[in-house]
Amino acid sequence: MADCNCNDTEVVYQGNGVKLGYSFPFPYVEQDDILVDRWDEDTFEWVSVPKTEWKLQSVTIVQFNEPPTYKFKIYRCTDVNPPAAVFHPGHAIKANDLNDNFEQLAFAAEEN
């Protein structure tokens, strides 16, 4: 997966030790495109939060198992391989498939 570092496709929060659910405002192609990193005060870098510690509660809300007390970001990182739709000679091309492929590539380009 690519290095995704676009401010338009991430939102940063400071956990308060009470709240479990945090929203994000950007669209995504697959649920696996949504990731969470925490800020490591010792190394001064973002570190991945395992998906066993959070889940998508709804389309735009990440819910943690335990309320975070650390600074974290929710972001999108779109994988372009494999493409959303694969075309074969002799088969009809649907506009929706073309749109899905374009959206996947557009999101990945925006992130990089």
PDB file of N, CA and C in Angstrom:
ATOM      1  N   MET A   1       0.841  -1.176   0.000  1.00  0.00           N
ATOM      2  CA  MET A   1       0.000   0.000   0.000  1.00  0.00           C
ATOM      3  C   MET A   1       0.886   1.239   0.000  1.00  0.00           C
ATOM      4  N   ALA A   2       0.436   2.266  -0.606  1.00  0.00           N
ATOM      5  CA  ALA A   2       1.181   3.517  -0.736  1.00  0.00           C
ATOM      6  C   ALA A   2       1.251   4.273   0.585  1.00  0.00           C
ATOM      7  N   ASP A   3       2.186   5.222   0.643  1.00  0.00           N
ATOM      8  CA  ASP A   3       2.271   6.116   1.795  1.00  0.00           C
ATOM      9  C   ASP A   3       1.233   7.209   1.594  1.00  0.00           C
ATOM     10  N   CYS A   4       0.248   7.258   2.461  1.00  0.00           N
ATOM     11  CA  CYS A   4      -0.853   8.207   2.310  1.00  0.00           C
ATOM     12  C   CYS A   4      -0.696   9.345   3.316  1.00  0.00           C
ATOM     13  N   ASN A   5      -0.558  10.545   2.793  1.00  0.00           N
ATOM     14  CA  ASN A   5      -0.302  11.681   3.677  1.00  0.00           C
ATOM     15  C   ASN A   5      -0.952  12.952   3.160  1.00  0.00           C
ATOM     16  N   CYS A   6      -2.247  12.925   3.020  1.00  0.00           N
ATOM     17  CA  CYS A   6      -2.968  14.090   2.516  1.00  0.00           C
ATOM     18  C   CYS A   6      -3.884  14.621   3.609  1.00  0.00           C
ATOM     19  N   ASN A   7      -3.758  15.894   3.940  1.00  0.00           N
ATOM     20  CA  ASN A   7      -4.587  16.486   4.982  1.00  0.00           C
ATOM     21  C   ASN A   7      -6.074  16.466   4.638  1.00  0.00           C
ATOM     22  N   ASP A   8      -6.410  16.375   3.344  1.00  0.00           N
ATOM     23  CA  ASP A   8      -7.814  16.337   2.941  1.00  0.00           C
ATOM     24  C   ASP A   8      -8.465  14.991   3.237  1.00  0.00           C
ATOM     25  N   THR A   9      -7.653  13.961   3.458  1.00  0.00           N
ATOM     26  CA  THR A   9      -8.194  12.622   3.689  1.00  0.00           C
ATOM     27  C   THR A   9      -7.772  12.088   5.055  1.00  0.00           C
ATOM     28  N   GLU A  10      -7.638  12.995   6.019  1.00  0.00           N
ATOM     29  CA  GLU A  10      -7.365  12.572   7.385  1.00  0.00           C
ATOM     30  C   GLU A  10      -7.958  13.577   8.362  1.00  0.00           C
ATOM     31  N   VAL A  11      -8.232  13.096   9.556  1.00  0.00           N
ATOM     32  CA  VAL A  11      -8.717  13.958  10.631  1.00  0.00           C
ATOM     33  C   VAL A  11      -7.987  13.525  11.901  1.00  0.00           C
ATOM     34  N   VAL A  12      -7.494  14.510  12.657  1.00  0.00           N
ATOM     35  CA  VAL A  12      -6.698  14.245  13.859  1.00  0.00           C
ATOM     36  C   VAL A  12      -7.526  14.580  15.102  1.00  0.00           C
ATOM     37  N   TYR A  13      -7.453  13.696  16.083  1.00  0.00           N
ATOM     38  CA  TYR A  13      -8.161  13.887  17.346  1.00  0.00           C
ATOM     39  C   TYR A  13      -7.203  13.675  18.514  1.00  0.00           C
ATOM     40  N   GLN A  14      -7.550  14.264  19.649  1.00  0.00           N
ATOM     41  CA  GLN A  14      -6.897  13.958  20.918  1.00  0.00           C
ATOM     42  C   GLN A  14      -7.920  13.206  21.751  1.00  0.00           C
ATOM     43  N   GLY A  15      -7.650  11.926  22.011  1.00  0.00           N
ATOM     44  CA  GLY A  15      -8.576  11.131  22.807  1.00  0.00           C
ATOM     45  C   GLY A  15      -8.675  11.669  24.227  1.00  0.00           C
ATOM     46  N   ASN A  16      -9.879  11.571  24.813  1.00  0.00           N
ATOM     47  CA  ASN A  16     -10.094  12.108  26.156  1.00  0.00           C
ATOM     48  C   ASN A  16     -10.270  11.014  27.213  1.00  0.00           C
ATOM     49  N   GLY A  17     -10.122   9.742  26.821  1.00  0.00           N
ATOM     50  CA  GLY A  17     -10.262   8.645  27.764  1.00  0.00           C
ATOM     51  C   GLY A  17     -11.700   8.294  28.088  1.00  0.00           C
ATOM     52  N   VAL A  18     -12.663   8.957  27.432  1.00  0.00           N
ATOM     53  CA  VAL A  18     -14.084   8.706  27.690  1.00  0.00           C
ATOM     54  C   VAL A  18     -14.815   8.325  26.400  1.00  0.00           C
ATOM     55  N   LYS A  19     -14.617   9.097  25.363  1.00  0.00           N
ATOM     56  CA  LYS A  19     -15.340   8.933  24.101  1.00  0.00           C
ATOM     57  C   LYS A  19     -14.810   7.729  23.317  1.00  0.00           C
ATOM     58  N   LEU A  20     -15.735   6.945  22.749  1.00  0.00           N
ATOM     59  CA  LEU A  20     -15.366   5.772  21.949  1.00  0.00           C
ATOM     60  C   LEU A  20     -15.461   6.031  20.446  1.00  0.00           C
ATOM     61  N   GLY A  21     -16.458   6.813  20.000  1.00  0.00           N
ATOM     62  CA  GLY A  21     -16.720   7.009  18.577  1.00  0.00           C
ATOM     63  C   GLY A  21     -16.218   8.341  18.058  1.00  0.00           C
ATOM     64  N   TYR A  22     -15.543   8.308  16.909  1.00  0.00           N
ATOM     65  CA  TYR A  22     -15.006   9.515  16.270  1.00  0.00           C
ATOM     66  C   TYR A  22     -15.353   9.489  14.788  1.00  0.00           C
ATOM     67  N   SER A  23     -15.840  10.608  14.272  1.00  0.00           N
ATOM     68  CA  SER A  23     -16.288  10.667  12.874  1.00  0.00           C
ATOM     69  C   SER A  23     -15.175  11.154  11.955  1.00  0.00           C
ATOM     70  N   PHE A  24     -15.350  10.843  10.683  1.00  0.00           N
ATOM     71  CA  PHE A  24     -14.452  11.344   9.645  1.00  0.00           C
ATOM     72  C   PHE A  24     -15.301  11.760   8.446  1.00  0.00           C
ATOM     73  N   PRO A  25     -14.862  12.806   7.702  1.00  0.00           N
ATOM     74  CA  PRO A  25     -15.729  13.407   6.681  1.00  0.00           C
ATOM     75  C   PRO A  25     -15.461  12.985   5.235  1.00  0.00           C
ATOM     76  N   PHE A  26     -14.566  12.071   4.974  1.00  0.00           N
ATOM     77  CA  PHE A  26     -14.192  11.786   3.593  1.00  0.00           C
ATOM     78  C   PHE A  26     -14.733  10.440   3.106  1.00  0.00           C
ATOM     79  N   PRO A  27     -15.004  10.326   1.800  1.00  0.00           N
ATOM     80  CA  PRO A  27     -15.506   9.072   1.233  1.00  0.00           C
ATOM     81  C   PRO A  27     -14.365   8.065   1.047  1.00  0.00           C
ATOM     82  N   TYR A  28     -14.717   6.816   0.832  1.00  0.00           N
ATOM     83  CA  TYR A  28     -13.733   5.758   0.596  1.00  0.00           C
ATOM     84  C   TYR A  28     -14.360   4.687  -0.289  1.00  0.00           C
ATOM     85  N   VAL A  29     -13.512   3.850  -0.884  1.00  0.00           N
ATOM     86  CA  VAL A  29     -13.983   2.789  -1.770  1.00  0.00           C
ATOM     87  C   VAL A  29     -14.283   1.527  -0.970  1.00  0.00           C
ATOM     88  N   GLU A  30     -13.317   1.057  -0.195  1.00  0.00           N
ATOM     89  CA  GLU A  30     -13.442  -0.157   0.615  1.00  0.00           C
ATOM     90  C   GLU A  30     -13.254   0.192   2.085  1.00  0.00           C
ATOM     91  N   GLN A  31     -13.877  -0.558   2.974  1.00  0.00           N
ATOM     92  CA  GLN A  31     -13.704  -0.311   4.403  1.00  0.00           C
ATOM     93  C   GLN A  31     -12.245  -0.468   4.828  1.00  0.00           C
ATOM     94  N   ASP A  32     -11.515  -1.354   4.166  1.00  0.00           N
ATOM     95  CA  ASP A  32     -10.102  -1.558   4.487  1.00  0.00           C
ATOM     96  C   ASP A  32      -9.243  -0.343   4.144  1.00  0.00           C
ATOM     97  N   ASP A  33      -9.782   0.615   3.401  1.00  0.00           N
ATOM     98  CA  ASP A  33      -9.045   1.837   3.066  1.00  0.00           C
ATOM     99  C   ASP A  33      -8.960   2.796   4.254  1.00  0.00           C
ATOM    100  N   ILE A  34      -9.800   2.588   5.271  1.00  0.00           N
ATOM    101  CA  ILE A  34      -9.794   3.451   6.455  1.00  0.00           C
ATOM    102  C   ILE A  34      -8.819   2.867   7.470  1.00  0.00           C
ATOM    103  N   LEU A  35      -7.913   3.718   7.956  1.00  0.00           N
ATOM    104  CA  LEU A  35      -6.887   3.300   8.910  1.00  0.00           C
ATOM    105  C   LEU A  35      -6.813   4.293  10.060  1.00  0.00           C
ATOM    106  N   VAL A  36      -6.222   3.850  11.162  1.00  0.00           N
ATOM    107  CA  VAL A  36      -6.029   4.700  12.337  1.00  0.00           C
ATOM    108  C   VAL A  36      -4.574   4.580  12.779  1.00  0.00           C
ATOM    109  N   ASP A  37      -3.939   5.722  13.013  1.00  0.00           N
ATOM    110  CA  ASP A  37      -2.581   5.781  13.557  1.00  0.00           C
ATOM    111  C   ASP A  37      -2.605   6.609  14.831  1.00  0.00           C
ATOM    112  N   ARG A  38      -1.707   6.301  15.751  1.00  0.00           N
ATOM    113  CA  ARG A  38      -1.553   7.110  16.958  1.00  0.00           C
ATOM    114  C   ARG A  38      -0.203   7.804  16.915  1.00  0.00           C
ATOM    115  N   TRP A  39      -0.128   8.949  17.590  1.00  0.00           N
ATOM    116  CA  TRP A  39       1.120   9.704  17.645  1.00  0.00           C
ATOM    117  C   TRP A  39       1.966   9.165  18.788  1.00  0.00           C
ATOM    118  N   ASP A  40       3.186   8.729  18.473  1.00  0.00           N
ATOM    119  CA  ASP A  40       4.107   8.214  19.478  1.00  0.00           C
ATOM    120  C   ASP A  40       4.975   9.362  19.974  1.00  0.00           C
ATOM    121  N   GLU A  41       4.795   9.747  21.228  1.00  0.00           N
ATOM    122  CA  GLU A  41       5.530  10.867  21.818  1.00  0.00           C
ATOM    123  C   GLU A  41       7.019  10.562  21.991  1.00  0.00           C
ATOM    124  N   ASP A  42       7.392   9.283  22.041  1.00  0.00           N
ATOM    125  CA  ASP A  42       8.789   8.916  22.220  1.00  0.00           C
ATOM    126  C   ASP A  42       9.575   8.998  20.914  1.00  0.00           C
ATOM    127  N   THR A  43       8.961   8.550  19.821  1.00  0.00           N
ATOM    128  CA  THR A  43       9.658   8.520  18.530  1.00  0.00           C
ATOM    129  C   THR A  43       9.257   9.667  17.608  1.00  0.00           C
ATOM    130  N   PHE A  44       8.219  10.417  18.000  1.00  0.00           N
ATOM    131  CA  PHE A  44       7.707  11.530  17.192  1.00  0.00           C
ATOM    132  C   PHE A  44       7.326  11.093  15.782  1.00  0.00           C
ATOM    133  N   GLU A  45       6.557  10.008  15.730  1.00  0.00           N
ATOM    134  CA  GLU A  45       6.054   9.510  14.450  1.00  0.00           C
ATOM    135  C   GLU A  45       4.707   8.839  14.653  1.00  0.00           C
ATOM    136  N   TRP A  46       3.968   8.703  13.547  1.00  0.00           N
ATOM    137  CA  TRP A  46       2.678   8.026  13.578  1.00  0.00           C
ATOM    138  C   TRP A  46       2.906   6.519  13.554  1.00  0.00           C
ATOM    139  N   VAL A  47       2.170   5.796  14.420  1.00  0.00           N
ATOM    140  CA  VAL A  47       2.270   4.345  14.531  1.00  0.00           C
ATOM    141  C   VAL A  47       0.880   3.759  14.329  1.00  0.00           C
ATOM    142  N   SER A  48       0.796   2.700  13.556  1.00  0.00           N
ATOM    143  CA  SER A  48      -0.488   2.077  13.245  1.00  0.00           C
ATOM    144  C   SER A  48      -1.175   1.535  14.502  1.00  0.00           C
ATOM    145  N   VAL A  49      -2.475   1.795  14.601  1.00  0.00           N
ATOM    146  CA  VAL A  49      -3.304   1.210  15.660  1.00  0.00           C
ATOM    147  C   VAL A  49      -3.931  -0.049  15.054  1.00  0.00           C
ATOM    148  N   PRO A  50      -3.684  -1.214  15.646  1.00  0.00           N
ATOM    149  CA  PRO A  50      -4.217  -2.466  15.070  1.00  0.00           C
ATOM    150  C   PRO A  50      -5.742  -2.432  14.943  1.00  0.00           C
ATOM    151  N   LYS A  51      -6.241  -3.052  13.873  1.00  0.00           N
ATOM    152  CA  LYS A  51      -7.688  -3.076  13.640  1.00  0.00           C
ATOM    153  C   LYS A  51      -8.428  -3.895  14.694  1.00  0.00           C
ATOM    154  N   THR A  52      -7.706  -4.618  15.532  1.00  0.00           N
ATOM    155  CA  THR A  52      -8.347  -5.330  16.637  1.00  0.00           C
ATOM    156  C   THR A  52      -8.748  -4.367  17.750  1.00  0.00           C
ATOM    157  N   GLU A  53      -8.245  -3.120  17.716  1.00  0.00           N
ATOM    158  CA  GLU A  53      -8.542  -2.136  18.755  1.00  0.00           C
ATOM    159  C   GLU A  53      -9.649  -1.165  18.364  1.00  0.00           C
ATOM    160  N   TRP A  54     -10.144  -1.251  17.125  1.00  0.00           N
ATOM    161  CA  TRP A  54     -11.202  -0.354  16.665  1.00  0.00           C
ATOM    162  C   TRP A  54     -11.968  -1.021  15.525  1.00  0.00           C
ATOM    163  N   LYS A  55     -13.126  -0.443  15.192  1.00  0.00           N
ATOM    164  CA  LYS A  55     -13.927  -0.934  14.068  1.00  0.00           C
ATOM    165  C   LYS A  55     -14.715   0.227  13.497  1.00  0.00           C
ATOM    166  N   LEU A  56     -15.256   0.035  12.300  1.00  0.00           N
ATOM    167  CA  LEU A  56     -16.167   1.020  11.725  1.00  0.00           C
ATOM    168  C   LEU A  56     -17.542   0.768  12.333  1.00  0.00           C
ATOM    169  N   GLN A  57     -18.012   1.730  13.118  1.00  0.00           N
ATOM    170  CA  GLN A  57     -19.331   1.627  13.742  1.00  0.00           C
ATOM    171  C   GLN A  57     -20.410   1.886  12.703  1.00  0.00           C
ATOM    172  N   SER A  58     -20.128   2.846  11.822  1.00  0.00           N
ATOM    173  CA  SER A  58     -21.031   3.164  10.720  1.00  0.00           C
ATOM    174  C   SER A  58     -20.167   3.601   9.545  1.00  0.00           C
ATOM    175  N   VAL A  59     -20.777   4.136   8.521  1.00  0.00           N
ATOM    176  CA  VAL A  59     -20.049   4.523   7.315  1.00  0.00           C
ATOM    177  C   VAL A  59     -18.995   5.593   7.597  1.00  0.00           C
ATOM    178  N   THR A  60     -19.231   6.456   8.582  1.00  0.00           N
ATOM    179  CA  THR A  60     -18.305   7.560   8.840  1.00  0.00           C
ATOM    180  C   THR A  60     -17.887   7.688  10.308  1.00  0.00           C
ATOM    181  N   ILE A  61     -17.975   6.600  11.070  1.00  0.00           N
ATOM    182  CA  ILE A  61     -17.583   6.657  12.485  1.00  0.00           C
ATOM    183  C   ILE A  61     -16.686   5.466  12.830  1.00  0.00           C
ATOM    184  N   VAL A  62     -15.508   5.780  13.386  1.00  0.00           N
ATOM    185  CA  VAL A  62     -14.607   4.772  13.923  1.00  0.00           C
ATOM    186  C   VAL A  62     -14.909   4.650  15.411  1.00  0.00           C
ATOM    187  N   GLN A  63     -15.088   3.416  15.875  1.00  0.00           N
ATOM    188  CA  GLN A  63     -15.342   3.185  17.299  1.00  0.00           C
ATOM    189  C   GLN A  63     -14.214   2.344  17.876  1.00  0.00           C
ATOM    190  N   PHE A  64     -13.621   2.844  18.958  1.00  0.00           N
ATOM    191  CA  PHE A  64     -12.559   2.133  19.648  1.00  0.00           C
ATOM    192  C   PHE A  64     -13.145   1.157  20.663  1.00  0.00           C
ATOM    193  N   ASN A  65     -12.431   0.079  20.946  1.00  0.00           N
ATOM    194  CA  ASN A  65     -12.840  -0.872  21.988  1.00  0.00           C
ATOM    195  C   ASN A  65     -12.697  -0.233  23.369  1.00  0.00           C
ATOM    196  N   GLU A  66     -11.610   0.502  23.562  1.00  0.00           N
ATOM    197  CA  GLU A  66     -11.334   1.228  24.799  1.00  0.00           C
ATOM    198  C   GLU A  66     -11.144   2.697  24.436  1.00  0.00           C
ATOM    199  N   PRO A  67     -11.658   3.627  25.229  1.00  0.00           N
ATOM    200  CA  PRO A  67     -11.514   5.053  24.893  1.00  0.00           C
ATOM    201  C   PRO A  67     -10.034   5.452  24.813  1.00  0.00           C
ATOM    202  N   PRO A  68      -9.603   6.024  23.706  1.00  0.00           N
ATOM    203  CA  PRO A  68      -8.195   6.416  23.587  1.00  0.00           C
ATOM    204  C   PRO A  68      -7.869   7.628  24.457  1.00  0.00           C
ATOM    205  N   THR A  69      -6.636   7.665  24.930  1.00  0.00           N
ATOM    206  CA  THR A  69      -6.149   8.805  25.711  1.00  0.00           C
ATOM    207  C   THR A  69      -5.023   9.503  24.961  1.00  0.00           C
ATOM    208  N   TYR A  70      -4.762   9.062  23.758  1.00  0.00           N
ATOM    209  CA  TYR A  70      -3.640   9.563  22.975  1.00  0.00           C
ATOM    210  C   TYR A  70      -4.129  10.325  21.745  1.00  0.00           C
ATOM    211  N   LYS A  71      -3.211  11.056  21.122  1.00  0.00           N
ATOM    212  CA  LYS A  71      -3.486  11.746  19.865  1.00  0.00           C
ATOM    213  C   LYS A  71      -3.485  10.695  18.754  1.00  0.00           C
ATOM    214  N   PHE A  72      -4.487  10.753  17.880  1.00  0.00           N
ATOM    215  CA  PHE A  72      -4.570   9.788  16.787  1.00  0.00           C
ATOM    216  C   PHE A  72      -5.174  10.446  15.555  1.00  0.00           C
ATOM    217  N   LYS A  73      -4.995   9.772  14.419  1.00  0.00           N
ATOM    218  CA  LYS A  73      -5.613  10.256  13.187  1.00  0.00           C
ATOM    219  C   LYS A  73      -6.343   9.110  12.511  1.00  0.00           C
ATOM    220  N   ILE A  74      -7.464   9.448  11.911  1.00  0.00           N
ATOM    221  CA  ILE A  74      -8.225   8.541  11.063  1.00  0.00           C
ATOM    222  C   ILE A  74      -7.967   9.018   9.643  1.00  0.00           C
ATOM    223  N   TYR A  75      -7.577   8.117   8.758  1.00  0.00           N
ATOM    224  CA  TYR A  75      -7.251   8.534   7.401  1.00  0.00           C
ATOM    225  C   TYR A  75      -7.615   7.466   6.385  1.00  0.00           C
ATOM    226  N   ARG A  76      -7.588   7.867   5.133  1.00  0.00           N
ATOM    227  CA  ARG A  76      -7.898   6.979   4.026  1.00  0.00           C
ATOM    228  C   ARG A  76      -6.621   6.706   3.252  1.00  0.00           C
ATOM    229  N   CYS A  77      -6.429   5.444   2.893  1.00  0.00           N
ATOM    230  CA  CYS A  77      -5.302   5.049   2.043  1.00  0.00           C
ATOM    231  C   CYS A  77      -5.834   4.029   1.038  1.00  0.00           C
ATOM    232  N   THR A  78      -6.098   4.491  -0.173  1.00  0.00           N
ATOM    233  CA  THR A  78      -6.745   3.675  -1.188  1.00  0.00           C
ATOM    234  C   THR A  78      -5.734   2.838  -1.952  1.00  0.00           C
ATOM    235  N   ASP A  79      -5.950   1.539  -1.958  1.00  0.00           N
ATOM    236  CA  ASP A  79      -5.093   0.620  -2.713  1.00  0.00           C
ATOM    237  C   ASP A  79      -5.615   0.544  -4.147  1.00  0.00           C
ATOM    238  N   VAL A  80      -4.741   0.675  -5.121  1.00  0.00           N
ATOM    239  CA  VAL A  80      -5.179   0.642  -6.521  1.00  0.00           C
ATOM    240  C   VAL A  80      -4.947  -0.710  -7.184  1.00  0.00           C
ATOM    241  N   ASN A  81      -4.459  -1.651  -6.435  1.00  0.00           N
ATOM    242  CA  ASN A  81      -4.218  -2.969  -6.989  1.00  0.00           C
ATOM    243  C   ASN A  81      -4.888  -3.996  -6.098  1.00  0.00           C
ATOM    244  N   PRO A  82      -5.888  -4.677  -6.533  1.00  0.00           N
ATOM    245  CA  PRO A  82      -6.408  -4.746  -7.895  1.00  0.00           C
ATOM    246  C   PRO A  82      -7.385  -3.599  -8.175  1.00  0.00           C
ATOM    247  N   PRO A  83      -7.594  -3.316  -9.440  1.00  0.00           N
ATOM    248  CA  PRO A  83      -8.565  -2.275  -9.796  1.00  0.00           C
ATOM    249  C   PRO A  83      -9.978  -2.717  -9.421  1.00  0.00           C
ATOM    250  N   ALA A  84     -10.853  -1.751  -9.221  1.00  0.00           N
ATOM    251  CA  ALA A  84     -12.241  -2.038  -8.847  1.00  0.00           C
ATOM    252  C   ALA A  84     -12.924  -2.918  -9.889  1.00  0.00           C
ATOM    253  N   ALA A  85     -12.659  -2.674 -11.151  1.00  0.00           N
ATOM    254  CA  ALA A  85     -13.255  -3.475 -12.233  1.00  0.00           C
ATOM    255  C   ALA A  85     -12.166  -3.858 -13.229  1.00  0.00           C
ATOM    256  N   VAL A  86     -12.244  -5.079 -13.714  1.00  0.00           N
ATOM    257  CA  VAL A  86     -11.302  -5.567 -14.720  1.00  0.00           C
ATOM    258  C   VAL A  86     -12.097  -5.840 -15.991  1.00  0.00           C
ATOM    259  N   PHE A  87     -11.574  -5.371 -17.115  1.00  0.00           N
ATOM    260  CA  PHE A  87     -12.275  -5.508 -18.387  1.00  0.00           C
ATOM    261  C   PHE A  87     -11.615  -6.587 -19.238  1.00  0.00           C
ATOM    262  N   HIS A  88     -12.443  -7.368 -19.939  1.00  0.00           N
ATOM    263  CA  HIS A  88     -11.961  -8.444 -20.807  1.00  0.00           C
ATOM    264  C   HIS A  88     -12.483  -8.222 -22.218  1.00  0.00           C
ATOM    265  N   PRO A  89     -11.707  -8.591 -23.218  1.00  0.00           N
ATOM    266  CA  PRO A  89     -12.160  -8.419 -24.598  1.00  0.00           C
ATOM    267  C   PRO A  89     -13.489  -9.139 -24.847  1.00  0.00           C
ATOM    268  N   GLY A  90     -14.374  -8.463 -25.528  1.00  0.00           N
ATOM    269  CA  GLY A  90     -15.657  -9.059 -25.892  1.00  0.00           C
ATOM    270  C   GLY A  90     -16.763  -8.863 -24.870  1.00  0.00           C
ATOM    271  N   HIS A  91     -16.449  -8.359 -23.692  1.00  0.00           N
ATOM    272  CA  HIS A  91     -17.478  -8.120 -22.685  1.00  0.00           C
ATOM    273  C   HIS A  91     -17.882  -6.657 -22.673  1.00  0.00           C
ATOM    274  N   ALA A  92     -19.121  -6.423 -22.320  1.00  0.00           N
ATOM    275  CA  ALA A  92     -19.631  -5.047 -22.257  1.00  0.00           C
ATOM    276  C   ALA A  92     -18.948  -4.280 -21.127  1.00  0.00           C
ATOM    277  N   ILE A  93     -18.702  -3.015 -21.398  1.00  0.00           N
ATOM    278  CA  ILE A  93     -18.133  -2.130 -20.382  1.00  0.00           C
ATOM    279  C   ILE A  93     -19.271  -1.293 -19.819  1.00  0.00           C
ATOM    280  N   LYS A  94     -19.446  -1.359 -18.515  1.00  0.00           N
ATOM    281  CA  LYS A  94     -20.516  -0.615 -17.856  1.00  0.00           C
ATOM    282  C   LYS A  94     -19.965   0.715 -17.342  1.00  0.00           C
ATOM    283  N   ALA A  95     -20.775   1.739 -17.463  1.00  0.00           N
ATOM    284  CA  ALA A  95     -20.375   3.068 -16.983  1.00  0.00           C
ATOM    285  C   ALA A  95     -20.050   3.029 -15.493  1.00  0.00           C
ATOM    286  N   ASN A  96     -20.803   2.267 -14.726  1.00  0.00           N
ATOM    287  CA  ASN A  96     -20.564   2.182 -13.285  1.00  0.00           C
ATOM    288  C   ASN A  96     -19.177   1.608 -12.986  1.00  0.00           C
ATOM    289  N   ASP A  97     -18.749   0.609 -13.771  1.00  0.00           N
ATOM    290  CA  ASP A  97     -17.410   0.039 -13.582  1.00  0.00           C
ATOM    291  C   ASP A  97     -16.332   1.075 -13.871  1.00  0.00           C
ATOM    292  N   LEU A  98     -16.529   1.847 -14.931  1.00  0.00           N
ATOM    293  CA  LEU A  98     -15.579   2.912 -15.254  1.00  0.00           C
ATOM    294  C   LEU A  98     -15.541   3.958 -14.143  1.00  0.00           C
ATOM    295  N   ASN A  99     -16.704   4.313 -13.621  1.00  0.00           N
ATOM    296  CA  ASN A  99     -16.770   5.275 -12.520  1.00  0.00           C
ATOM    297  C   ASN A  99     -16.052   4.746 -11.285  1.00  0.00           C
ATOM    298  N   ASP A 100     -16.253   3.455 -10.959  1.00  0.00           N
ATOM    299  CA  ASP A 100     -15.587   2.860  -9.795  1.00  0.00           C
ATOM    300  C   ASP A 100     -14.070   2.895  -9.952  1.00  0.00           C
ATOM    301  N   ASN A 101     -13.576   2.550 -11.134  1.00  0.00           N
ATOM    302  CA  ASN A 101     -12.136   2.587 -11.378  1.00  0.00           C
ATOM    303  C   ASN A 101     -11.602   4.012 -11.272  1.00  0.00           C
ATOM    304  N   PHE A 102     -12.339   4.971 -11.835  1.00  0.00           N
ATOM    305  CA  PHE A 102     -11.897   6.359 -11.769  1.00  0.00           C
ATOM    306  C   PHE A 102     -11.858   6.852 -10.325  1.00  0.00           C
ATOM    307  N   GLU A 103     -12.888   6.552  -9.564  1.00  0.00           N
ATOM    308  CA  GLU A 103     -12.936   6.979  -8.162  1.00  0.00           C
ATOM    309  C   GLU A 103     -11.780   6.383  -7.370  1.00  0.00           C
ATOM    310  N   GLN A 104     -11.483   5.115  -7.594  1.00  0.00           N
ATOM    311  CA  GLN A 104     -10.374   4.445  -6.907  1.00  0.00           C
ATOM    312  C   GLN A 104      -9.055   5.148  -7.231  1.00  0.00           C
ATOM    313  N   LEU A 105      -8.813   5.438  -8.497  1.00  0.00           N
ATOM    314  CA  LEU A 105      -7.576   6.114  -8.900  1.00  0.00           C
ATOM    315  C   LEU A 105      -7.541   7.565  -8.408  1.00  0.00           C
ATOM    316  N   ALA A 106      -8.664   8.242  -8.443  1.00  0.00           N
ATOM    317  CA  ALA A 106      -8.719   9.629  -7.986  1.00  0.00           C
ATOM    318  C   ALA A 106      -8.417   9.726  -6.490  1.00  0.00           C
ATOM    319  N   PHE A 107      -8.986   8.819  -5.696  1.00  0.00           N
ATOM    320  CA  PHE A 107      -8.708   8.823  -4.255  1.00  0.00           C
ATOM    321  C   PHE A 107      -7.229   8.563  -4.002  1.00  0.00           C
ATOM    322  N   ALA A 108      -6.656   7.581  -4.692  1.00  0.00           N
ATOM    323  CA  ALA A 108      -5.233   7.258  -4.491  1.00  0.00           C
ATOM    324  C   ALA A 108      -4.345   8.426  -4.891  1.00  0.00           C
ATOM    325  N   ALA A 109      -4.677   9.115  -5.973  1.00  0.00           N
ATOM    326  CA  ALA A 109      -3.899  10.275  -6.408  1.00  0.00           C
ATOM    327  C   ALA A 109      -4.015  11.404  -5.390  1.00  0.00           C
ATOM    328  N   GLU A 110      -5.188  11.606  -4.837  1.00  0.00           N
ATOM    329  CA  GLU A 110      -5.397  12.658  -3.846  1.00  0.00           C
ATOM    330  C   GLU A 110      -4.550  12.417  -2.591  1.00  0.00           C
ATOM    331  N   GLU A 111      -4.410  11.153  -2.216  1.00  0.00           N
ATOM    332  CA  GLU A 111      -3.665  10.798  -1.003  1.00  0.00           C
ATOM    333  C   GLU A 111      -2.165  10.952  -1.166  1.00  0.00           C
ATOM    334  N   ASN A 112      -1.686  10.915  -2.390  1.00  0.00           N
ATOM    335  CA  ASN A 112      -0.244  10.965  -2.604  1.00  0.00           C
ATOM    336  C   ASN A 112       0.118  12.243  -3.219  1.00  0.00           C
TER     337      ASN A 112
END
